[in-house]
């Protein structure tokens, strides 16, 4: 297996998180947090953390995109999540000695802020509204996991794919300048296959069918969602 590169640039800084970016609010005038956050620039395809690393930090994606990847017993890799700026990740406030069991890999140039668990706990204790922000973030993650589990349980692959495309349009989509509704930049067919629990070849066949039906399109390698309403109708189908 090819070894993935580690990030090449890291530094410590004081940097205010703000609500305009979707991140928890840590106003510098009300909380002394100088030196708490480590800010790292990660080049594309570099590893932010890997299985076996200590679960002793909380991570916040500030810029770019991150893929969460798990490796199976045979070495096969599967994307379990694609993060957007503002997302918390890592293992939050786990018992001492816990280790991570997934890869976090930069998808393009990214900036990640991290804080050790002890310092993060101090901030939560001193700022109750920050604790509420974190609870909301965790609840959003739980809702996404429940939605995915229900899809795997009650929907066939075409409906799961339509549902996943709608979620990605909401979280990662850009306004489409060429007649569609949303562009999904940087989302691969392998990402979609991993997220819906199907083979890449089957997902490719379904995407081609959706293109023929006018639900999807593409400009170069960019997948375009052309008909959100039609995708919602397809996503509603259950077994």
C-alpha atoms as a PDB file:
ATOM      1  CA  UNK A   1       0.000   0.000   0.000  1.00  0.00           C
ATOM      2  CA  UNK A   2       1.332   3.389  -0.967  1.00  0.00           C
ATOM      3  CA  UNK A   3       2.163   5.510   2.064  1.00  0.00           C
ATOM      4  CA  UNK A   4       0.209   8.742   2.184  1.00  0.00           C
ATOM      5  CA  UNK A   5       2.165  11.947   2.895  1.00  0.00           C
ATOM      6  CA  UNK A   6       1.781  13.815   6.165  1.00  0.00           C
ATOM      7  CA  UNK A   7       0.984  17.505   6.102  1.00  0.00           C
ATOM      8  CA  UNK A   8       3.969  19.721   5.412  1.00  0.00           C
ATOM      9  CA  UNK A   9       3.078  22.957   7.177  1.00  0.00           C
ATOM     10  CA  UNK A  10       1.990  23.556  10.772  1.00  0.00           C
ATOM     11  CA  UNK A  11       2.125  26.456  13.163  1.00  0.00           C
ATOM     12  CA  UNK A  12       0.488  27.776  16.331  1.00  0.00           C
ATOM     13  CA  UNK A  13      -1.613  30.914  16.335  1.00  0.00           C
ATOM     14  CA  UNK A  14      -4.462  32.685  18.007  1.00  0.00           C
ATOM     15  CA  UNK A  15      -7.362  32.731  15.602  1.00  0.00           C
ATOM     16  CA  UNK A  16     -10.987  33.688  16.407  1.00  0.00           C
ATOM     17  CA  UNK A  17     -13.623  31.214  15.293  1.00  0.00           C
ATOM     18  CA  UNK A  18     -16.742  33.024  14.163  1.00  0.00           C
ATOM     19  CA  UNK A  19     -20.332  32.230  13.311  1.00  0.00           C
ATOM     20  CA  UNK A  20     -20.108  33.671   9.821  1.00  0.00           C
ATOM     21  CA  UNK A  21     -18.017  30.661   8.808  1.00  0.00           C
ATOM     22  CA  UNK A  22     -20.387  28.210  10.494  1.00  0.00           C
ATOM     23  CA  UNK A  23     -17.860  27.471  13.250  1.00  0.00           C
ATOM     24  CA  UNK A  24     -18.402  27.717  17.007  1.00  0.00           C
ATOM     25  CA  UNK A  25     -18.041  31.257  18.381  1.00  0.00           C
ATOM     26  CA  UNK A  26     -14.878  31.838  20.413  1.00  0.00           C
ATOM     27  CA  UNK A  27     -14.639  35.590  20.823  1.00  0.00           C
ATOM     28  CA  UNK A  28     -11.121  36.610  21.906  1.00  0.00           C
ATOM     29  CA  UNK A  29     -12.388  39.480  24.047  1.00  0.00           C
ATOM     30  CA  UNK A  30     -14.302  37.103  26.365  1.00  0.00           C
ATOM     31  CA  UNK A  31     -12.117  33.981  26.457  1.00  0.00           C
ATOM     32  CA  UNK A  32      -8.363  33.788  26.826  1.00  0.00           C
ATOM     33  CA  UNK A  33      -7.368  31.028  24.423  1.00  0.00           C
ATOM     34  CA  UNK A  34      -4.016  32.187  23.077  1.00  0.00           C
ATOM     35  CA  UNK A  35      -1.939  29.160  22.117  1.00  0.00           C
ATOM     36  CA  UNK A  36      -4.841  26.718  22.471  1.00  0.00           C
ATOM     37  CA  UNK A  37      -5.371  26.166  18.750  1.00  0.00           C
ATOM     38  CA  UNK A  38      -2.955  24.516  16.403  1.00  0.00           C
ATOM     39  CA  UNK A  39      -3.545  25.590  12.805  1.00  0.00           C
ATOM     40  CA  UNK A  40      -2.266  23.280  10.094  1.00  0.00           C
ATOM     41  CA  UNK A  41      -2.149  23.675   6.319  1.00  0.00           C
ATOM     42  CA  UNK A  42      -2.526  20.316   4.578  1.00  0.00           C
ATOM     43  CA  UNK A  43      -1.758  19.716   0.899  1.00  0.00           C
ATOM     44  CA  UNK A  44      -4.083  17.573  -1.160  1.00  0.00           C
ATOM     45  CA  UNK A  45      -4.101  13.842  -0.322  1.00  0.00           C
ATOM     46  CA  UNK A  46      -2.124  14.299   2.908  1.00  0.00           C
ATOM     47  CA  UNK A  47      -3.123  12.513   6.097  1.00  0.00           C
ATOM     48  CA  UNK A  48      -4.439  14.607   8.973  1.00  0.00           C
ATOM     49  CA  UNK A  49      -4.623  11.562  11.226  1.00  0.00           C
ATOM     50  CA  UNK A  50      -4.600   7.811  10.753  1.00  0.00           C
ATOM     51  CA  UNK A  51      -5.832   4.690  12.618  1.00  0.00           C
ATOM     52  CA  UNK A  52      -3.867   4.154  15.799  1.00  0.00           C
ATOM     53  CA  UNK A  53      -3.145   7.837  16.390  1.00  0.00           C
ATOM     54  CA  UNK A  54      -4.154   9.068  19.874  1.00  0.00           C
ATOM     55  CA  UNK A  55      -7.725  10.375  20.086  1.00  0.00           C
ATOM     56  CA  UNK A  56      -6.587  13.337  22.159  1.00  0.00           C
ATOM     57  CA  UNK A  57      -7.550  16.301  19.941  1.00  0.00           C
ATOM     58  CA  UNK A  58     -10.668  17.903  18.506  1.00  0.00           C
ATOM     59  CA  UNK A  59     -10.444  19.035  14.873  1.00  0.00           C
ATOM     60  CA  UNK A  60     -12.346  21.762  13.041  1.00  0.00           C
ATOM     61  CA  UNK A  61     -12.157  22.092   9.276  1.00  0.00           C
ATOM     62  CA  UNK A  62     -11.608  25.771   8.472  1.00  0.00           C
ATOM     63  CA  UNK A  63     -11.012  25.669   4.707  1.00  0.00           C
ATOM     64  CA  UNK A  64     -11.217  23.019   2.020  1.00  0.00           C
ATOM     65  CA  UNK A  65     -12.598  19.501   2.250  1.00  0.00           C
ATOM     66  CA  UNK A  66     -11.674  16.356   4.180  1.00  0.00           C
ATOM     67  CA  UNK A  67     -12.582  12.734   3.494  1.00  0.00           C
ATOM     68  CA  UNK A  68     -13.046  10.290   6.373  1.00  0.00           C
ATOM     69  CA  UNK A  69     -11.879   6.858   5.252  1.00  0.00           C
ATOM     70  CA  UNK A  70     -11.998   3.434   6.876  1.00  0.00           C
ATOM     71  CA  UNK A  71      -9.873   0.469   5.868  1.00  0.00           C
ATOM     72  CA  UNK A  72     -11.291  -3.057   5.820  1.00  0.00           C
ATOM     73  CA  UNK A  73      -9.567  -6.288   6.845  1.00  0.00           C
ATOM     74  CA  UNK A  74      -8.329  -6.848   3.279  1.00  0.00           C
ATOM     75  CA  UNK A  75      -6.946  -3.331   2.962  1.00  0.00           C
ATOM     76  CA  UNK A  76      -9.798  -1.927   0.881  1.00  0.00           C
ATOM     77  CA  UNK A  77     -10.692   1.685   1.656  1.00  0.00           C
ATOM     78  CA  UNK A  78     -14.133   3.218   1.859  1.00  0.00           C
ATOM     79  CA  UNK A  79     -15.165   6.855   2.243  1.00  0.00           C
ATOM     80  CA  UNK A  80     -17.556   7.211   5.188  1.00  0.00           C
ATOM     81  CA  UNK A  81     -17.899  10.985   5.178  1.00  0.00           C
ATOM     82  CA  UNK A  82     -16.958  14.139   3.290  1.00  0.00           C
ATOM     83  CA  UNK A  83     -16.508  17.180   5.533  1.00  0.00           C
ATOM     84  CA  UNK A  84     -17.148  20.841   4.755  1.00  0.00           C
ATOM     85  CA  UNK A  85     -15.732  23.963   6.438  1.00  0.00           C
ATOM     86  CA  UNK A  86     -17.119  24.308   9.947  1.00  0.00           C
ATOM     87  CA  UNK A  87     -17.372  20.564  10.618  1.00  0.00           C
ATOM     88  CA  UNK A  88     -16.002  19.111  13.853  1.00  0.00           C
ATOM     89  CA  UNK A  89     -14.243  15.763  13.518  1.00  0.00           C
ATOM     90  CA  UNK A  90     -11.999  13.357  15.395  1.00  0.00           C
ATOM     91  CA  UNK A  91     -13.101  11.699  18.630  1.00  0.00           C
ATOM     92  CA  UNK A  92     -14.483  14.394  20.919  1.00  0.00           C
ATOM     93  CA  UNK A  93     -13.618  14.097  24.619  1.00  0.00           C
ATOM     94  CA  UNK A  94     -12.923  10.371  24.565  1.00  0.00           C
ATOM     95  CA  UNK A  95     -11.313   8.621  27.589  1.00  0.00           C
ATOM     96  CA  UNK A  96      -7.547   8.904  27.871  1.00  0.00           C
ATOM     97  CA  UNK A  97      -5.741   6.227  25.899  1.00  0.00           C
ATOM     98  CA  UNK A  98      -8.397   5.954  23.163  1.00  0.00           C
ATOM     99  CA  UNK A  99      -7.037   5.713  19.613  1.00  0.00           C
ATOM    100  CA  UNK A 100      -8.527   6.730  16.280  1.00  0.00           C
ATOM    101  CA  UNK A 101      -9.864   4.076  13.916  1.00  0.00           C
ATOM    102  CA  UNK A 102     -10.133   5.984  10.629  1.00  0.00           C
ATOM    103  CA  UNK A 103      -8.134   8.121   8.236  1.00  0.00           C
ATOM    104  CA  UNK A 104      -8.831  11.816   7.788  1.00  0.00           C
ATOM    105  CA  UNK A 105      -7.409  12.817   4.388  1.00  0.00           C
ATOM    106  CA  UNK A 106      -7.251  16.273   2.850  1.00  0.00           C
ATOM    107  CA  UNK A 107      -9.175  16.570  -0.415  1.00  0.00           C
ATOM    108  CA  UNK A 108      -7.431  19.531  -1.978  1.00  0.00           C
ATOM    109  CA  UNK A 109      -5.675  22.271  -0.018  1.00  0.00           C
ATOM    110  CA  UNK A 110      -7.146  22.468   3.470  1.00  0.00           C
ATOM    111  CA  UNK A 111      -6.736  24.352   6.717  1.00  0.00           C
ATOM    112  CA  UNK A 112      -7.519  22.499   9.944  1.00  0.00           C
ATOM    113  CA  UNK A 113      -7.671  23.897  13.472  1.00  0.00           C
ATOM    114  CA  UNK A 114      -7.194  21.514  16.379  1.00  0.00           C
ATOM    115  CA  UNK A 115      -7.164  21.731  20.149  1.00  0.00           C
ATOM    116  CA  UNK A 116      -6.210  19.143  22.754  1.00  0.00           C
ATOM    117  CA  UNK A 117      -9.068  17.553  24.678  1.00  0.00           C
ATOM    118  CA  UNK A 118      -8.102  19.061  28.034  1.00  0.00           C
ATOM    119  CA  UNK A 119      -8.028  22.617  26.667  1.00  0.00           C
ATOM    120  CA  UNK A 120     -11.243  22.003  24.748  1.00  0.00           C
ATOM    121  CA  UNK A 121     -12.965  20.823  27.919  1.00  0.00           C
ATOM    122  CA  UNK A 122     -11.808  23.993  29.699  1.00  0.00           C
ATOM    123  CA  UNK A 123     -13.348  26.110  26.948  1.00  0.00           C
ATOM    124  CA  UNK A 124     -16.637  24.209  27.159  1.00  0.00           C
ATOM    125  CA  UNK A 125     -16.747  24.678  30.922  1.00  0.00           C
ATOM    126  CA  UNK A 126     -16.060  28.409  30.648  1.00  0.00           C
ATOM    127  CA  UNK A 127     -18.398  29.050  27.713  1.00  0.00           C
ATOM    128  CA  UNK A 128     -21.766  27.265  28.061  1.00  0.00           C
ATOM    129  CA  UNK A 129     -22.980  28.617  24.706  1.00  0.00           C
ATOM    130  CA  UNK A 130     -19.950  26.986  23.043  1.00  0.00           C
ATOM    131  CA  UNK A 131     -20.995  23.697  24.627  1.00  0.00           C
ATOM    132  CA  UNK A 132     -24.428  24.179  23.031  1.00  0.00           C
ATOM    133  CA  UNK A 133     -22.784  24.758  19.651  1.00  0.00           C
ATOM    134  CA  UNK A 134     -20.880  21.494  20.045  1.00  0.00           C
ATOM    135  CA  UNK A 135     -24.041  19.634  21.092  1.00  0.00           C
ATOM    136  CA  UNK A 136     -25.800  20.951  17.981  1.00  0.00           C
ATOM    137  CA  UNK A 137     -22.883  19.821  15.809  1.00  0.00           C
ATOM    138  CA  UNK A 138     -22.950  16.344  17.336  1.00  0.00           C
ATOM    139  CA  UNK A 139     -26.723  16.141  16.923  1.00  0.00           C
ATOM    140  CA  UNK A 140     -26.362  17.083  13.262  1.00  0.00           C
ATOM    141  CA  UNK A 141     -23.807  14.297  12.864  1.00  0.00           C
ATOM    142  CA  UNK A 142     -26.166  11.830  14.574  1.00  0.00           C
ATOM    143  CA  UNK A 143     -29.040  12.859  12.287  1.00  0.00           C
ATOM    144  CA  UNK A 144     -26.843  12.274   9.251  1.00  0.00           C
ATOM    145  CA  UNK A 145     -25.841   8.834  10.543  1.00  0.00           C
ATOM    146  CA  UNK A 146     -29.479   7.919  11.243  1.00  0.00           C
ATOM    147  CA  UNK A 147     -30.511   9.059   7.770  1.00  0.00           C
ATOM    148  CA  UNK A 148     -27.790   6.958   6.192  1.00  0.00           C
ATOM    149  CA  UNK A 149     -28.695   3.902   8.294  1.00  0.00           C
ATOM    150  CA  UNK A 150     -32.384   4.226   7.417  1.00  0.00           C
ATOM    151  CA  UNK A 151     -31.432   4.490   3.758  1.00  0.00           C
ATOM    152  CA  UNK A 152     -29.369   1.306   3.935  1.00  0.00           C
ATOM    153  CA  UNK A 153     -32.238  -0.454   5.701  1.00  0.00           C
ATOM    154  CA  UNK A 154     -35.289   0.700   3.766  1.00  0.00           C
ATOM    155  CA  UNK A 155     -34.096   1.928   0.345  1.00  0.00           C
ATOM    156  CA  UNK A 156     -32.638   0.300  -2.718  1.00  0.00           C
ATOM    157  CA  UNK A 157     -29.442   1.679  -4.224  1.00  0.00           C
ATOM    158  CA  UNK A 158     -31.136   4.059  -6.750  1.00  0.00           C
ATOM    159  CA  UNK A 159     -33.095   5.775  -3.977  1.00  0.00           C
ATOM    160  CA  UNK A 160     -30.014   5.862  -1.708  1.00  0.00           C
ATOM    161  CA  UNK A 161     -27.994   7.447  -4.485  1.00  0.00           C
ATOM    162  CA  UNK A 162     -30.653  10.102  -5.104  1.00  0.00           C
ATOM    163  CA  UNK A 163     -30.827  10.842  -1.373  1.00  0.00           C
ATOM    164  CA  UNK A 164     -27.030  11.077  -1.114  1.00  0.00           C
ATOM    165  CA  UNK A 165     -26.865  13.451  -4.074  1.00  0.00           C
ATOM    166  CA  UNK A 166     -29.429  15.711  -2.395  1.00  0.00           C
ATOM    167  CA  UNK A 167     -27.437  15.740   0.855  1.00  0.00           C
ATOM    168  CA  UNK A 168     -24.223  16.549  -1.015  1.00  0.00           C
ATOM    169  CA  UNK A 169     -25.989  19.322  -2.945  1.00  0.00           C
ATOM    170  CA  UNK A 170     -27.047  20.854   0.368  1.00  0.00           C
ATOM    171  CA  UNK A 171     -23.654  20.531   2.063  1.00  0.00           C
ATOM    172  CA  UNK A 172     -21.155  20.797  -0.809  1.00  0.00           C
ATOM    173  CA  UNK A 173     -23.064  22.101  -3.822  1.00  0.00           C
ATOM    174  CA  UNK A 174     -22.214  25.293  -5.706  1.00  0.00           C
ATOM    175  CA  UNK A 175     -24.729  27.283  -7.768  1.00  0.00           C
ATOM    176  CA  UNK A 176     -24.672  25.922 -11.299  1.00  0.00           C
ATOM    177  CA  UNK A 177     -23.785  28.554 -13.953  1.00  0.00           C
ATOM    178  CA  UNK A 178     -24.707  26.383 -16.950  1.00  0.00           C
ATOM    179  CA  UNK A 179     -28.413  25.655 -16.655  1.00  0.00           C
ATOM    180  CA  UNK A 180     -28.552  23.199 -13.773  1.00  0.00           C
ATOM    181  CA  UNK A 181     -29.254  23.744 -10.081  1.00  0.00           C
ATOM    182  CA  UNK A 182     -26.086  22.614  -8.257  1.00  0.00           C
ATOM    183  CA  UNK A 183     -22.557  21.595  -9.187  1.00  0.00           C
ATOM    184  CA  UNK A 184     -20.806  18.916  -7.110  1.00  0.00           C
ATOM    185  CA  UNK A 185     -17.137  19.781  -7.522  1.00  0.00           C
ATOM    186  CA  UNK A 186     -14.600  17.232  -6.366  1.00  0.00           C
ATOM    187  CA  UNK A 187     -17.175  14.514  -5.626  1.00  0.00           C
ATOM    188  CA  UNK A 188     -16.157  11.307  -7.408  1.00  0.00           C
ATOM    189  CA  UNK A 189     -18.192   8.310  -8.439  1.00  0.00           C
ATOM    190  CA  UNK A 190     -16.132   6.263  -5.990  1.00  0.00           C
ATOM    191  CA  UNK A 191     -17.160   8.677  -3.206  1.00  0.00           C
ATOM    192  CA  UNK A 192     -20.812   8.133  -4.132  1.00  0.00           C
ATOM    193  CA  UNK A 193     -20.373   4.367  -4.307  1.00  0.00           C
ATOM    194  CA  UNK A 194     -18.782   4.276  -0.858  1.00  0.00           C
ATOM    195  CA  UNK A 195     -21.459   6.514   0.661  1.00  0.00           C
ATOM    196  CA  UNK A 196     -24.384   4.456  -0.677  1.00  0.00           C
ATOM    197  CA  UNK A 197     -22.756   1.047  -0.100  1.00  0.00           C
ATOM    198  CA  UNK A 198     -22.625  -0.130  -3.716  1.00  0.00           C
ATOM    199  CA  UNK A 199     -20.050  -0.905  -6.386  1.00  0.00           C
ATOM    200  CA  UNK A 200     -18.593   1.906  -8.449  1.00  0.00           C
ATOM    201  CA  UNK A 201     -19.719   0.234 -11.690  1.00  0.00           C
ATOM    202  CA  UNK A 202     -23.342   0.025 -10.502  1.00  0.00           C
ATOM    203  CA  UNK A 203     -23.307   3.649  -9.349  1.00  0.00           C
ATOM    204  CA  UNK A 204     -21.825   4.686 -12.706  1.00  0.00           C
ATOM    205  CA  UNK A 205     -24.698   2.901 -14.479  1.00  0.00           C
ATOM    206  CA  UNK A 206     -27.267   4.646 -12.256  1.00  0.00           C
ATOM    207  CA  UNK A 207     -25.658   8.055 -12.854  1.00  0.00           C
ATOM    208  CA  UNK A 208     -25.842   7.506 -16.620  1.00  0.00           C
ATOM    209  CA  UNK A 209     -29.529   6.592 -16.255  1.00  0.00           C
ATOM    210  CA  UNK A 210     -30.138   9.758 -14.220  1.00  0.00           C
ATOM    211  CA  UNK A 211     -28.412  11.785 -16.923  1.00  0.00           C
ATOM    212  CA  UNK A 212     -30.673  10.260 -19.593  1.00  0.00           C
ATOM    213  CA  UNK A 213     -33.690  11.097 -17.409  1.00  0.00           C
ATOM    214  CA  UNK A 214     -32.560  14.723 -17.074  1.00  0.00           C
ATOM    215  CA  UNK A 215     -31.864  14.551 -13.343  1.00  0.00           C
ATOM    216  CA  UNK A 216     -28.085  14.949 -13.693  1.00  0.00           C
ATOM    217  CA  UNK A 217     -25.624  16.355 -16.162  1.00  0.00           C
ATOM    218  CA  UNK A 218     -21.958  17.145 -16.292  1.00  0.00           C
ATOM    219  CA  UNK A 219     -19.551  19.754 -17.574  1.00  0.00           C
ATOM    220  CA  UNK A 220     -16.160  18.136 -17.938  1.00  0.00           C
ATOM    221  CA  UNK A 221     -15.640  16.147 -14.752  1.00  0.00           C
ATOM    222  CA  UNK A 222     -18.062  18.225 -12.691  1.00  0.00           C
ATOM    223  CA  UNK A 223     -21.317  16.430 -11.854  1.00  0.00           C
ATOM    224  CA  UNK A 224     -24.324  18.744 -12.147  1.00  0.00           C
ATOM    225  CA  UNK A 225     -27.709  18.307 -10.457  1.00  0.00           C
ATOM    226  CA  UNK A 226     -30.316  19.511 -12.941  1.00  0.00           C
ATOM    227  CA  UNK A 227     -33.581  18.446 -11.300  1.00  0.00           C
ATOM    228  CA  UNK A 228     -33.754  18.536  -7.488  1.00  0.00           C
ATOM    229  CA  UNK A 229     -37.491  17.809  -7.471  1.00  0.00           C
ATOM    230  CA  UNK A 230     -36.998  14.712  -9.613  1.00  0.00           C
ATOM    231  CA  UNK A 231     -34.217  13.485  -7.310  1.00  0.00           C
ATOM    232  CA  UNK A 232     -36.487  13.969  -4.291  1.00  0.00           C
ATOM    233  CA  UNK A 233     -39.158  11.845  -5.933  1.00  0.00           C
ATOM    234  CA  UNK A 234     -36.630   9.102  -6.657  1.00  0.00           C
ATOM    235  CA  UNK A 235     -35.145   9.326  -3.146  1.00  0.00           C
ATOM    236  CA  UNK A 236     -38.607   8.735  -1.644  1.00  0.00           C
ATOM    237  CA  UNK A 237     -38.846   5.195  -3.045  1.00  0.00           C
ATOM    238  CA  UNK A 238     -38.588   2.497  -0.375  1.00  0.00           C
ATOM    239  CA  UNK A 239     -38.196  -1.258  -0.572  1.00  0.00           C
END
